C-alpha atoms as a PDB file:
ATOM      1  CA  UNK A   1     -43.476  34.094  64.541  1.00  0.00           C
ATOM      2  CA  UNK A   2     -41.392  35.945  67.075  1.00  0.00           C
ATOM      3  CA  UNK A   3     -40.709  34.427  70.478  1.00  0.00           C
ATOM      4  CA  UNK A   4     -38.719  35.444  73.528  1.00  0.00           C
ATOM      5  CA  UNK A   5     -36.749  32.574  75.066  1.00  0.00           C
ATOM      6  CA  UNK A   6     -34.397  32.199  78.028  1.00  0.00           C
ATOM      7  CA  UNK A   7     -30.675  32.544  77.282  1.00  0.00           C
ATOM      8  CA  UNK A   8     -28.056  29.799  77.574  1.00  0.00           C
ATOM      9  CA  UNK A   9     -30.685  27.044  77.879  1.00  0.00           C
ATOM     10  CA  UNK A  10     -30.854  24.256  75.260  1.00  0.00           C
ATOM     11  CA  UNK A  11     -34.084  24.411  73.245  1.00  0.00           C
ATOM     12  CA  UNK A  12     -35.717  21.928  70.918  1.00  0.00           C
ATOM     13  CA  UNK A  13     -38.335  23.460  68.638  1.00  0.00           C
ATOM     14  CA  UNK A  14     -41.438  21.358  68.113  1.00  0.00           C
ATOM     15  CA  UNK A  15     -44.581  21.864  66.018  1.00  0.00           C
ATOM     16  CA  UNK A  16     -47.816  20.540  67.535  1.00  0.00           C
ATOM     17  CA  UNK A  17     -51.185  19.868  65.926  1.00  0.00           C
ATOM     18  CA  UNK A  18     -54.452  21.219  67.382  1.00  0.00           C
ATOM     19  CA  UNK A  19     -54.655  18.401  69.932  1.00  0.00           C
ATOM     20  CA  UNK A  20     -51.086  18.991  71.181  1.00  0.00           C
ATOM     21  CA  UNK A  21     -49.592  15.978  69.400  1.00  0.00           C
ATOM     22  CA  UNK A  22     -46.077  16.630  68.013  1.00  0.00           C
ATOM     23  CA  UNK A  23     -46.004  16.545  64.229  1.00  0.00           C
ATOM     24  CA  UNK A  24     -42.459  17.856  63.723  1.00  0.00           C
ATOM     25  CA  UNK A  25     -39.464  18.314  65.993  1.00  0.00           C
ATOM     26  CA  UNK A  26     -36.121  19.892  65.221  1.00  0.00           C
ATOM     27  CA  UNK A  27     -33.495  17.300  66.119  1.00  0.00           C
ATOM     28  CA  UNK A  28     -30.783  19.902  66.626  1.00  0.00           C
ATOM     29  CA  UNK A  29     -30.452  21.811  69.869  1.00  0.00           C
ATOM     30  CA  UNK A  30     -30.631  25.597  69.652  1.00  0.00           C
ATOM     31  CA  UNK A  31     -29.279  28.102  72.173  1.00  0.00           C
ATOM     32  CA  UNK A  32     -29.418  31.875  72.212  1.00  0.00           C
ATOM     33  CA  UNK A  33     -27.247  34.502  73.861  1.00  0.00           C
ATOM     34  CA  UNK A  34     -28.610  37.577  75.627  1.00  0.00           C
ATOM     35  CA  UNK A  35     -30.125  40.150  73.234  1.00  0.00           C
ATOM     36  CA  UNK A  36     -29.566  37.858  70.245  1.00  0.00           C
ATOM     37  CA  UNK A  37     -32.033  38.055  67.355  1.00  0.00           C
ATOM     38  CA  UNK A  38     -31.961  35.059  65.034  1.00  0.00           C
ATOM     39  CA  UNK A  39     -33.873  34.107  61.912  1.00  0.00           C
ATOM     40  CA  UNK A  40     -33.845  30.308  61.559  1.00  0.00           C
ATOM     41  CA  UNK A  41     -35.351  30.384  58.072  1.00  0.00           C
ATOM     42  CA  UNK A  42     -33.484  30.317  54.782  1.00  0.00           C
ATOM     43  CA  UNK A  43     -34.784  31.557  51.430  1.00  0.00           C
ATOM     44  CA  UNK A  44     -36.349  28.715  49.440  1.00  0.00           C
ATOM     45  CA  UNK A  45     -33.874  29.309  46.588  1.00  0.00           C
ATOM     46  CA  UNK A  46     -31.012  28.477  49.001  1.00  0.00           C
ATOM     47  CA  UNK A  47     -32.617  25.423  50.631  1.00  0.00           C
ATOM     48  CA  UNK A  48     -31.256  22.876  48.136  1.00  0.00           C
ATOM     49  CA  UNK A  49     -27.699  23.989  48.898  1.00  0.00           C
ATOM     50  CA  UNK A  50     -27.853  24.863  52.604  1.00  0.00           C
ATOM     51  CA  UNK A  51     -30.354  22.410  54.098  1.00  0.00           C
ATOM     52  CA  UNK A  52     -31.281  19.627  51.721  1.00  0.00           C
ATOM     53  CA  UNK A  53     -28.176  17.492  52.283  1.00  0.00           C
ATOM     54  CA  UNK A  54     -29.331  16.761  55.847  1.00  0.00           C
ATOM     55  CA  UNK A  55     -33.081  17.411  55.635  1.00  0.00           C
ATOM     56  CA  UNK A  56     -33.929  16.128  52.158  1.00  0.00           C
ATOM     57  CA  UNK A  57     -35.048  18.005  49.066  1.00  0.00           C
ATOM     58  CA  UNK A  58     -38.315  19.925  48.902  1.00  0.00           C
ATOM     59  CA  UNK A  59     -39.402  17.801  45.955  1.00  0.00           C
ATOM     60  CA  UNK A  60     -38.484  14.527  47.670  1.00  0.00           C
ATOM     61  CA  UNK A  61     -36.066  13.689  44.832  1.00  0.00           C
ATOM     62  CA  UNK A  62     -32.448  13.117  45.857  1.00  0.00           C
ATOM     63  CA  UNK A  63     -31.275  14.446  42.479  1.00  0.00           C
ATOM     64  CA  UNK A  64     -32.562  17.904  43.442  1.00  0.00           C
ATOM     65  CA  UNK A  65     -30.027  18.175  46.275  1.00  0.00           C
ATOM     66  CA  UNK A  66     -27.089  20.441  45.436  1.00  0.00           C
ATOM     67  CA  UNK A  67     -23.856  19.913  47.348  1.00  0.00           C
ATOM     68  CA  UNK A  68     -21.778  23.048  47.825  1.00  0.00           C
ATOM     69  CA  UNK A  69     -18.739  22.316  49.995  1.00  0.00           C
ATOM     70  CA  UNK A  70     -18.036  26.038  50.308  1.00  0.00           C
ATOM     71  CA  UNK A  71     -21.316  26.909  52.023  1.00  0.00           C
ATOM     72  CA  UNK A  72     -19.957  26.707  55.560  1.00  0.00           C
ATOM     73  CA  UNK A  73     -16.196  26.875  55.223  1.00  0.00           C
ATOM     74  CA  UNK A  74     -15.754  29.173  52.209  1.00  0.00           C
ATOM     75  CA  UNK A  75     -12.561  27.151  51.786  1.00  0.00           C
ATOM     76  CA  UNK A  76     -11.978  28.323  48.227  1.00  0.00           C
ATOM     77  CA  UNK A  77     -11.788  31.951  49.416  1.00  0.00           C
ATOM     78  CA  UNK A  78      -8.930  31.501  51.893  1.00  0.00           C
ATOM     79  CA  UNK A  79      -5.557  33.205  51.693  1.00  0.00           C
ATOM     80  CA  UNK A  80      -3.944  29.786  51.205  1.00  0.00           C
ATOM     81  CA  UNK A  81      -5.876  29.356  47.973  1.00  0.00           C
ATOM     82  CA  UNK A  82      -4.339  32.510  46.540  1.00  0.00           C
ATOM     83  CA  UNK A  83      -0.820  31.400  47.521  1.00  0.00           C
ATOM     84  CA  UNK A  84      -0.873  28.489  45.097  1.00  0.00           C
ATOM     85  CA  UNK A  85       0.238  24.890  45.562  1.00  0.00           C
ATOM     86  CA  UNK A  86       3.417  24.291  47.552  1.00  0.00           C
ATOM     87  CA  UNK A  87       5.437  21.091  47.589  1.00  0.00           C
ATOM     88  CA  UNK A  88       5.914  20.173  51.271  1.00  0.00           C
ATOM     89  CA  UNK A  89       8.515  17.440  50.684  1.00  0.00           C
END
């Protein structure tokens, strides 16, 4: 689905059934800038690492959740990592 939304206004995405009753609502606020094109989906193969920690696994089993601390920060790829450990005493 493609939608055009106002800019700089908080949005909550909600899925309704045929009678207009909410059946799912994103709890996180979303905002868009002017001329911004965003895809809110992730490939299913990446879901267990990117989304499952907060949203639960697709299978419903907690053991299927994969924690990857580098997903957002890429901390292991920083320049400080390459510099090695330094004693700060």
